[in-house]
């Protein structure tokens, strides 16, 4: 069974965006840097992922035009769970199956959405990680979709959500568009994915990790978080920190070889 394409419902999307701006904007102090870089045509926004609230932060700040879709979550049935039902109700979700048994239909669906002139927001890592300046491997789907559709990738860095607190500052930094080159070959996908990772790391590395929240906001922070490590790791010990160290070792080895 093919999962549906998103169906834009303007009134519902505006209502949800208004709710996000009031609630999320009242809870956090969000500032957008380089807002002039927002896409004006079809593109893919690839953002880092620190907390379940990140997509709601984006809904609070994304421009009204072009229309947009959110890629995910990884669910076979969008009728399960309040988040999935909300995305289905608003009509901007692009679900995909967690077992990746629908890659071709998903690629076609993404191509059709981009062909309408929409932008698509993707949490490139596909999971949350611990540190503000850390990153887990970016999945190759973002690069694959961009190369297949010939649209730029705009990296988005969200910082400040690793621990939520009332009126805590959150920064959304819009990066420079990365234009895909060539066809969607394995080498081209790998190269574009590497460029996206470098961009995201460069955009987040200057943000200091906030202190842990109080008891109430600790619960809010972890409300919907799912940690692949089995629980929130200590700062510097999670998969994100391990991958940053791996990237540093690769760069050092490459420099030595050169």
C-alpha atoms as a PDB file:
ATOM      1  CA  UNK A   1       0.000   0.000   0.000  1.00  0.00           C
ATOM      2  CA  UNK A   2       1.447   3.363  -1.019  1.00  0.00           C
ATOM      3  CA  UNK A   3       1.515   6.045   1.632  1.00  0.00           C
ATOM      4  CA  UNK A   4      -0.293   9.245   0.599  1.00  0.00           C
ATOM      5  CA  UNK A   5       1.281  12.393  -0.743  1.00  0.00           C
ATOM      6  CA  UNK A   6       0.854  15.455   1.471  1.00  0.00           C
ATOM      7  CA  UNK A   7      -2.245  17.495   0.745  1.00  0.00           C
ATOM      8  CA  UNK A   8      -1.810  21.123   1.714  1.00  0.00           C
ATOM      9  CA  UNK A   9      -4.703  22.459   3.813  1.00  0.00           C
ATOM     10  CA  UNK A  10      -4.056  26.213   4.145  1.00  0.00           C
ATOM     11  CA  UNK A  11      -6.437  26.964   7.016  1.00  0.00           C
ATOM     12  CA  UNK A  12      -5.244  24.033   9.116  1.00  0.00           C
ATOM     13  CA  UNK A  13      -1.579  24.806   8.462  1.00  0.00           C
ATOM     14  CA  UNK A  14      -2.067  28.469   9.387  1.00  0.00           C
ATOM     15  CA  UNK A  15      -3.904  27.426  12.550  1.00  0.00           C
ATOM     16  CA  UNK A  16      -1.103  25.051  13.534  1.00  0.00           C
ATOM     17  CA  UNK A  17       1.559  27.641  12.731  1.00  0.00           C
ATOM     18  CA  UNK A  18      -0.281  30.248  14.811  1.00  0.00           C
ATOM     19  CA  UNK A  19      -0.440  27.807  17.725  1.00  0.00           C
ATOM     20  CA  UNK A  20       3.293  27.099  17.398  1.00  0.00           C
ATOM     21  CA  UNK A  21       4.142  30.785  17.254  1.00  0.00           C
ATOM     22  CA  UNK A  22       2.083  31.515  20.363  1.00  0.00           C
ATOM     23  CA  UNK A  23       3.033  28.464  22.436  1.00  0.00           C
ATOM     24  CA  UNK A  24       6.609  27.811  21.295  1.00  0.00           C
ATOM     25  CA  UNK A  25       7.325  31.521  20.864  1.00  0.00           C
ATOM     26  CA  UNK A  26       6.010  32.156  24.367  1.00  0.00           C
ATOM     27  CA  UNK A  27       8.020  29.309  25.869  1.00  0.00           C
ATOM     28  CA  UNK A  28      11.315  30.043  24.116  1.00  0.00           C
ATOM     29  CA  UNK A  29      13.127  33.118  22.779  1.00  0.00           C
ATOM     30  CA  UNK A  30      13.700  32.167  19.144  1.00  0.00           C
ATOM     31  CA  UNK A  31      15.915  34.201  16.874  1.00  0.00           C
ATOM     32  CA  UNK A  32      16.573  33.524  13.199  1.00  0.00           C
ATOM     33  CA  UNK A  33      19.952  34.299  11.691  1.00  0.00           C
ATOM     34  CA  UNK A  34      20.383  34.888   7.934  1.00  0.00           C
ATOM     35  CA  UNK A  35      16.678  34.842   7.211  1.00  0.00           C
ATOM     36  CA  UNK A  36      17.466  36.233   3.762  1.00  0.00           C
ATOM     37  CA  UNK A  37      18.665  32.716   2.885  1.00  0.00           C
ATOM     38  CA  UNK A  38      15.232  31.110   3.195  1.00  0.00           C
ATOM     39  CA  UNK A  39      14.414  29.288  -0.040  1.00  0.00           C
ATOM     40  CA  UNK A  40      12.139  31.071  -2.494  1.00  0.00           C
ATOM     41  CA  UNK A  41      11.534  27.990  -4.635  1.00  0.00           C
ATOM     42  CA  UNK A  42      11.741  24.204  -4.333  1.00  0.00           C
ATOM     43  CA  UNK A  43      14.502  23.126  -1.960  1.00  0.00           C
ATOM     44  CA  UNK A  44      15.272  20.746   0.884  1.00  0.00           C
ATOM     45  CA  UNK A  45      15.896  22.068   4.384  1.00  0.00           C
ATOM     46  CA  UNK A  46      18.200  19.688   6.261  1.00  0.00           C
ATOM     47  CA  UNK A  47      18.310  20.379  10.000  1.00  0.00           C
ATOM     48  CA  UNK A  48      20.188  18.912  12.948  1.00  0.00           C
ATOM     49  CA  UNK A  49      18.093  17.288  15.655  1.00  0.00           C
ATOM     50  CA  UNK A  50      18.489  17.843  19.400  1.00  0.00           C
ATOM     51  CA  UNK A  51      14.974  17.448  20.742  1.00  0.00           C
ATOM     52  CA  UNK A  52      11.441  16.418  19.842  1.00  0.00           C
ATOM     53  CA  UNK A  53      10.430  20.094  19.798  1.00  0.00           C
ATOM     54  CA  UNK A  54      12.721  21.017  16.865  1.00  0.00           C
ATOM     55  CA  UNK A  55      10.070  20.550  14.116  1.00  0.00           C
ATOM     56  CA  UNK A  56       7.675  22.755  16.094  1.00  0.00           C
ATOM     57  CA  UNK A  57      10.357  25.435  16.340  1.00  0.00           C
ATOM     58  CA  UNK A  58      10.642  25.329  12.553  1.00  0.00           C
ATOM     59  CA  UNK A  59       6.870  25.600  12.150  1.00  0.00           C
ATOM     60  CA  UNK A  60       7.001  28.748  14.269  1.00  0.00           C
ATOM     61  CA  UNK A  61       9.608  30.464  12.072  1.00  0.00           C
ATOM     62  CA  UNK A  62       9.301  29.100   8.510  1.00  0.00           C
ATOM     63  CA  UNK A  63       8.056  31.619   5.934  1.00  0.00           C
ATOM     64  CA  UNK A  64       4.513  31.150   4.664  1.00  0.00           C
ATOM     65  CA  UNK A  65       5.788  30.696   1.115  1.00  0.00           C
ATOM     66  CA  UNK A  66       6.708  28.412  -0.489  1.00  0.00           C
ATOM     67  CA  UNK A  67       4.460  25.704   0.907  1.00  0.00           C
ATOM     68  CA  UNK A  68       6.402  23.093   2.820  1.00  0.00           C
ATOM     69  CA  UNK A  69       6.261  19.467   3.855  1.00  0.00           C
ATOM     70  CA  UNK A  70       7.933  17.660   6.745  1.00  0.00           C
ATOM     71  CA  UNK A  71       9.659  14.363   5.947  1.00  0.00           C
ATOM     72  CA  UNK A  72       8.811  11.691   8.474  1.00  0.00           C
ATOM     73  CA  UNK A  73       8.145  10.346  10.940  1.00  0.00           C
ATOM     74  CA  UNK A  74       9.126   6.731  10.363  1.00  0.00           C
ATOM     75  CA  UNK A  75       5.688   5.231  10.663  1.00  0.00           C
ATOM     76  CA  UNK A  76       3.778   2.761   8.532  1.00  0.00           C
ATOM     77  CA  UNK A  77       0.461   4.066   9.860  1.00  0.00           C
ATOM     78  CA  UNK A  78       0.071   7.833  10.287  1.00  0.00           C
ATOM     79  CA  UNK A  79      -3.146   7.276  12.231  1.00  0.00           C
ATOM     80  CA  UNK A  80      -1.188   6.115  15.269  1.00  0.00           C
ATOM     81  CA  UNK A  81       0.026   8.614  17.838  1.00  0.00           C
ATOM     82  CA  UNK A  82      -0.997  12.264  18.391  1.00  0.00           C
ATOM     83  CA  UNK A  83       1.982  13.693  16.452  1.00  0.00           C
ATOM     84  CA  UNK A  84       1.223  11.569  13.380  1.00  0.00           C
ATOM     85  CA  UNK A  85      -2.470  12.397  13.465  1.00  0.00           C
ATOM     86  CA  UNK A  86      -1.650  16.095  13.769  1.00  0.00           C
ATOM     87  CA  UNK A  87       0.639  15.975  10.717  1.00  0.00           C
ATOM     88  CA  UNK A  88      -1.991  14.075   8.749  1.00  0.00           C
ATOM     89  CA  UNK A  89      -4.676  16.553   9.788  1.00  0.00           C
ATOM     90  CA  UNK A  90      -2.584  19.526   8.629  1.00  0.00           C
ATOM     91  CA  UNK A  91      -1.589  17.719   5.443  1.00  0.00           C
ATOM     92  CA  UNK A  92       2.151  18.436   5.279  1.00  0.00           C
ATOM     93  CA  UNK A  93       3.689  15.128   6.392  1.00  0.00           C
ATOM     94  CA  UNK A  94       5.596  12.739   4.116  1.00  0.00           C
ATOM     95  CA  UNK A  95       5.688   9.450   6.025  1.00  0.00           C
ATOM     96  CA  UNK A  96       7.967   6.571   5.163  1.00  0.00           C
ATOM     97  CA  UNK A  97       8.194   3.042   6.405  1.00  0.00           C
ATOM     98  CA  UNK A  98      10.804   2.334   9.101  1.00  0.00           C
ATOM     99  CA  UNK A  99      11.889  -0.875   7.353  1.00  0.00           C
ATOM    100  CA  UNK A 100      12.668   1.162   4.203  1.00  0.00           C
ATOM    101  CA  UNK A 101      10.534  -1.095   2.038  1.00  0.00           C
ATOM    102  CA  UNK A 102       9.090   1.848   0.104  1.00  0.00           C
ATOM    103  CA  UNK A 103      12.193   3.673  -1.145  1.00  0.00           C
ATOM    104  CA  UNK A 104      11.069   3.993  -4.750  1.00  0.00           C
ATOM    105  CA  UNK A 105       7.515   5.211  -3.933  1.00  0.00           C
ATOM    106  CA  UNK A 106       8.961   7.609  -1.343  1.00  0.00           C
ATOM    107  CA  UNK A 107      11.444   9.020  -3.858  1.00  0.00           C
ATOM    108  CA  UNK A 108       8.644   9.545  -6.388  1.00  0.00           C
ATOM    109  CA  UNK A 109       6.474  11.175  -3.718  1.00  0.00           C
ATOM    110  CA  UNK A 110       9.277  13.546  -2.723  1.00  0.00           C
ATOM    111  CA  UNK A 111       9.887  14.389  -6.387  1.00  0.00           C
ATOM    112  CA  UNK A 112       6.231  15.244  -6.914  1.00  0.00           C
ATOM    113  CA  UNK A 113       6.161  17.484  -3.835  1.00  0.00           C
ATOM    114  CA  UNK A 114       9.282  19.342  -4.944  1.00  0.00           C
ATOM    115  CA  UNK A 115       7.858  19.532  -8.459  1.00  0.00           C
ATOM    116  CA  UNK A 116       4.964  21.571  -7.067  1.00  0.00           C
ATOM    117  CA  UNK A 117       7.454  24.206  -5.941  1.00  0.00           C
ATOM    118  CA  UNK A 118       7.337  23.209  -2.269  1.00  0.00           C
ATOM    119  CA  UNK A 119      10.225  22.932   0.172  1.00  0.00           C
ATOM    120  CA  UNK A 120      10.736  19.811   2.276  1.00  0.00           C
ATOM    121  CA  UNK A 121      12.234  19.853   5.788  1.00  0.00           C
ATOM    122  CA  UNK A 122      14.217  16.769   6.794  1.00  0.00           C
ATOM    123  CA  UNK A 123      15.943  15.941  10.077  1.00  0.00           C
ATOM    124  CA  UNK A 124      19.018  14.680   8.278  1.00  0.00           C
ATOM    125  CA  UNK A 125      20.323  12.513  11.100  1.00  0.00           C
ATOM    126  CA  UNK A 126      16.991  10.752  11.543  1.00  0.00           C
ATOM    127  CA  UNK A 127      17.428  10.784  15.342  1.00  0.00           C
ATOM    128  CA  UNK A 128      18.251  13.101  18.234  1.00  0.00           C
ATOM    129  CA  UNK A 129      21.716  13.571  19.690  1.00  0.00           C
ATOM    130  CA  UNK A 130      23.118  15.045  22.886  1.00  0.00           C
ATOM    131  CA  UNK A 131      25.479  17.993  22.375  1.00  0.00           C
ATOM    132  CA  UNK A 132      24.712  21.343  20.746  1.00  0.00           C
ATOM    133  CA  UNK A 133      27.893  21.202  18.661  1.00  0.00           C
ATOM    134  CA  UNK A 134      27.714  17.490  17.912  1.00  0.00           C
ATOM    135  CA  UNK A 135      26.263  15.531  15.012  1.00  0.00           C
ATOM    136  CA  UNK A 136      25.418  11.944  14.154  1.00  0.00           C
ATOM    137  CA  UNK A 137      25.867  10.710  10.560  1.00  0.00           C
ATOM    138  CA  UNK A 138      23.524  12.419   8.112  1.00  0.00           C
ATOM    139  CA  UNK A 139      21.550   9.790   6.208  1.00  0.00           C
ATOM    140  CA  UNK A 140      22.050   9.751   2.443  1.00  0.00           C
ATOM    141  CA  UNK A 141      18.346  10.287   1.710  1.00  0.00           C
ATOM    142  CA  UNK A 142      18.627  14.086   1.708  1.00  0.00           C
ATOM    143  CA  UNK A 143      21.410  14.062  -0.886  1.00  0.00           C
ATOM    144  CA  UNK A 144      19.651  11.382  -2.931  1.00  0.00           C
ATOM    145  CA  UNK A 145      16.417  13.375  -3.104  1.00  0.00           C
ATOM    146  CA  UNK A 146      18.261  16.596  -3.962  1.00  0.00           C
ATOM    147  CA  UNK A 147      20.264  14.998  -6.766  1.00  0.00           C
ATOM    148  CA  UNK A 148      17.239  13.200  -8.189  1.00  0.00           C
ATOM    149  CA  UNK A 149      15.142  16.377  -8.184  1.00  0.00           C
ATOM    150  CA  UNK A 150      17.895  18.878  -8.942  1.00  0.00           C
ATOM    151  CA  UNK A 151      17.035  21.169  -6.021  1.00  0.00           C
ATOM    152  CA  UNK A 152      19.428  22.830  -3.547  1.00  0.00           C
ATOM    153  CA  UNK A 153      19.903  21.715   0.042  1.00  0.00           C
ATOM    154  CA  UNK A 154      19.678  24.509   2.624  1.00  0.00           C
ATOM    155  CA  UNK A 155      21.258  23.448   5.942  1.00  0.00           C
ATOM    156  CA  UNK A 156      19.434  24.662   9.048  1.00  0.00           C
ATOM    157  CA  UNK A 157      21.145  24.668  12.434  1.00  0.00           C
ATOM    158  CA  UNK A 158      18.856  24.600  15.461  1.00  0.00           C
ATOM    159  CA  UNK A 159      20.607  25.320  18.749  1.00  0.00           C
ATOM    160  CA  UNK A 160      19.389  25.751  22.304  1.00  0.00           C
ATOM    161  CA  UNK A 161      16.838  22.932  22.505  1.00  0.00           C
ATOM    162  CA  UNK A 162      19.019  20.252  24.123  1.00  0.00           C
ATOM    163  CA  UNK A 163      17.610  21.384  27.489  1.00  0.00           C
ATOM    164  CA  UNK A 164      14.362  23.330  27.466  1.00  0.00           C
ATOM    165  CA  UNK A 165      13.748  26.139  29.957  1.00  0.00           C
ATOM    166  CA  UNK A 166      11.312  29.030  30.125  1.00  0.00           C
ATOM    167  CA  UNK A 167      12.424  31.858  27.805  1.00  0.00           C
ATOM    168  CA  UNK A 168      15.709  30.106  27.051  1.00  0.00           C
ATOM    169  CA  UNK A 169      17.292  31.358  23.846  1.00  0.00           C
ATOM    170  CA  UNK A 170      17.021  29.195  20.732  1.00  0.00           C
ATOM    171  CA  UNK A 171      18.882  30.022  17.542  1.00  0.00           C
ATOM    172  CA  UNK A 172      17.813  28.977  14.057  1.00  0.00           C
ATOM    173  CA  UNK A 173      20.665  29.663  11.640  1.00  0.00           C
ATOM    174  CA  UNK A 174      19.920  29.425   7.914  1.00  0.00           C
ATOM    175  CA  UNK A 175      22.915  28.253   5.908  1.00  0.00           C
ATOM    176  CA  UNK A 176      23.944  28.929   2.361  1.00  0.00           C
ATOM    177  CA  UNK A 177      22.269  26.745  -0.252  1.00  0.00           C
ATOM    178  CA  UNK A 178      24.290  23.743  -1.406  1.00  0.00           C
ATOM    179  CA  UNK A 179      23.688  23.068  -5.083  1.00  0.00           C
ATOM    180  CA  UNK A 180      23.832  19.372  -6.062  1.00  0.00           C
ATOM    181  CA  UNK A 181      26.163  18.381  -8.876  1.00  0.00           C
ATOM    182  CA  UNK A 182      25.782  15.416 -11.186  1.00  0.00           C
ATOM    183  CA  UNK A 183      23.441  12.458 -11.131  1.00  0.00           C
ATOM    184  CA  UNK A 184      22.354  10.475  -8.084  1.00  0.00           C
ATOM    185  CA  UNK A 185      25.299   8.078  -8.223  1.00  0.00           C
ATOM    186  CA  UNK A 186      26.754   6.554  -5.084  1.00  0.00           C
ATOM    187  CA  UNK A 187      29.786   8.843  -5.294  1.00  0.00           C
ATOM    188  CA  UNK A 188      27.686  11.975  -5.836  1.00  0.00           C
ATOM    189  CA  UNK A 189      25.342  11.122  -2.945  1.00  0.00           C
ATOM    190  CA  UNK A 190      28.299  10.465  -0.659  1.00  0.00           C
ATOM    191  CA  UNK A 191      29.996  13.717  -1.649  1.00  0.00           C
ATOM    192  CA  UNK A 192      26.859  15.832  -1.173  1.00  0.00           C
ATOM    193  CA  UNK A 193      26.128  14.189   2.187  1.00  0.00           C
ATOM    194  CA  UNK A 194      29.647  15.087   3.299  1.00  0.00           C
ATOM    195  CA  UNK A 195      29.121  18.720   2.285  1.00  0.00           C
ATOM    196  CA  UNK A 196      25.880  18.831   4.292  1.00  0.00           C
ATOM    197  CA  UNK A 197      27.611  17.401   7.386  1.00  0.00           C
ATOM    198  CA  UNK A 198      30.464  19.905   7.137  1.00  0.00           C
ATOM    199  CA  UNK A 199      27.972  22.769   6.808  1.00  0.00           C
ATOM    200  CA  UNK A 200      25.883  21.684   9.803  1.00  0.00           C
ATOM    201  CA  UNK A 201      28.932  21.166  12.013  1.00  0.00           C
ATOM    202  CA  UNK A 202      30.320  24.553  11.047  1.00  0.00           C
ATOM    203  CA  UNK A 203      27.012  26.241  11.853  1.00  0.00           C
ATOM    204  CA  UNK A 204      26.576  24.665  15.301  1.00  0.00           C
ATOM    205  CA  UNK A 205      30.109  24.509  16.708  1.00  0.00           C
ATOM    206  CA  UNK A 206      29.997  27.980  18.324  1.00  0.00           C
ATOM    207  CA  UNK A 207      26.917  27.332  20.478  1.00  0.00           C
ATOM    208  CA  UNK A 208      27.620  26.467  24.125  1.00  0.00           C
ATOM    209  CA  UNK A 209      25.684  23.635  25.765  1.00  0.00           C
ATOM    210  CA  UNK A 210      23.091  25.066  28.182  1.00  0.00           C
ATOM    211  CA  UNK A 211      22.900  23.836  31.768  1.00  0.00           C
ATOM    212  CA  UNK A 212      20.326  21.156  32.639  1.00  0.00           C
ATOM    213  CA  UNK A 213      16.810  22.371  33.370  1.00  0.00           C
ATOM    214  CA  UNK A 214      14.838  22.193  36.554  1.00  0.00           C
ATOM    215  CA  UNK A 215      12.619  19.207  37.295  1.00  0.00           C
ATOM    216  CA  UNK A 216       9.536  20.377  35.361  1.00  0.00           C
ATOM    217  CA  UNK A 217      11.436  21.391  32.269  1.00  0.00           C
ATOM    218  CA  UNK A 218      13.570  18.249  32.415  1.00  0.00           C
ATOM    219  CA  UNK A 219      10.352  16.294  32.020  1.00  0.00           C
ATOM    220  CA  UNK A 220       9.223  18.547  29.187  1.00  0.00           C
ATOM    221  CA  UNK A 221      12.599  18.170  27.473  1.00  0.00           C
ATOM    222  CA  UNK A 222      12.415  14.377  27.537  1.00  0.00           C
ATOM    223  CA  UNK A 223       8.656  14.131  26.939  1.00  0.00           C
ATOM    224  CA  UNK A 224       8.843  12.520  23.477  1.00  0.00           C
ATOM    225  CA  UNK A 225      12.593  11.967  23.168  1.00  0.00           C
ATOM    226  CA  UNK A 226      13.756   8.500  22.143  1.00  0.00           C
ATOM    227  CA  UNK A 227      17.453   7.899  22.778  1.00  0.00           C
ATOM    228  CA  UNK A 228      19.051   5.118  20.695  1.00  0.00           C
ATOM    229  CA  UNK A 229      21.721   4.863  23.407  1.00  0.00           C
ATOM    230  CA  UNK A 230      18.976   3.738  25.805  1.00  0.00           C
ATOM    231  CA  UNK A 231      18.884   7.052  27.695  1.00  0.00           C
ATOM    232  CA  UNK A 232      20.323  10.551  27.582  1.00  0.00           C
ATOM    233  CA  UNK A 233      24.123  10.109  27.453  1.00  0.00           C
ATOM    234  CA  UNK A 234      26.536  12.297  29.338  1.00  0.00           C
ATOM    235  CA  UNK A 235      27.809  15.250  27.397  1.00  0.00           C
ATOM    236  CA  UNK A 236      30.670  14.084  25.198  1.00  0.00           C
ATOM    237  CA  UNK A 237      29.774  10.394  25.502  1.00  0.00           C
ATOM    238  CA  UNK A 238      26.926   9.941  23.023  1.00  0.00           C
ATOM    239  CA  UNK A 239      26.902   8.817  19.410  1.00  0.00           C
ATOM    240  CA  UNK A 240      27.047  12.436  18.237  1.00  0.00           C
ATOM    241  CA  UNK A 241      30.293  13.107  20.103  1.00  0.00           C
ATOM    242  CA  UNK A 242      31.760   9.824  18.851  1.00  0.00           C
ATOM    243  CA  UNK A 243      31.003  10.750  15.242  1.00  0.00           C
ATOM    244  CA  UNK A 244      32.542  14.211  15.585  1.00  0.00           C
ATOM    245  CA  UNK A 245      35.713  12.561  16.915  1.00  0.00           C
ATOM    246  CA  UNK A 246      35.638  10.135  13.980  1.00  0.00           C
ATOM    247  CA  UNK A 247      35.365  13.004  11.509  1.00  0.00           C
ATOM    248  CA  UNK A 248      38.279  14.755  13.204  1.00  0.00           C
ATOM    249  CA  UNK A 249      40.402  11.612  12.948  1.00  0.00           C
ATOM    250  CA  UNK A 250      39.538  11.303   9.249  1.00  0.00           C
ATOM    251  CA  UNK A 251      40.580  14.904   8.611  1.00  0.00           C
ATOM    252  CA  UNK A 252      43.841  14.378  10.525  1.00  0.00           C
ATOM    253  CA  UNK A 253      44.590  11.200   8.599  1.00  0.00           C
ATOM    254  CA  UNK A 254      43.824  12.929   5.309  1.00  0.00           C
ATOM    255  CA  UNK A 255      46.091  15.831   6.193  1.00  0.00           C
ATOM    256  CA  UNK A 256      48.916  13.489   7.158  1.00  0.00           C
ATOM    257  CA  UNK A 257      48.515  11.538   3.923  1.00  0.00           C
ATOM    258  CA  UNK A 258      48.580  14.779   1.918  1.00  0.00           C
END
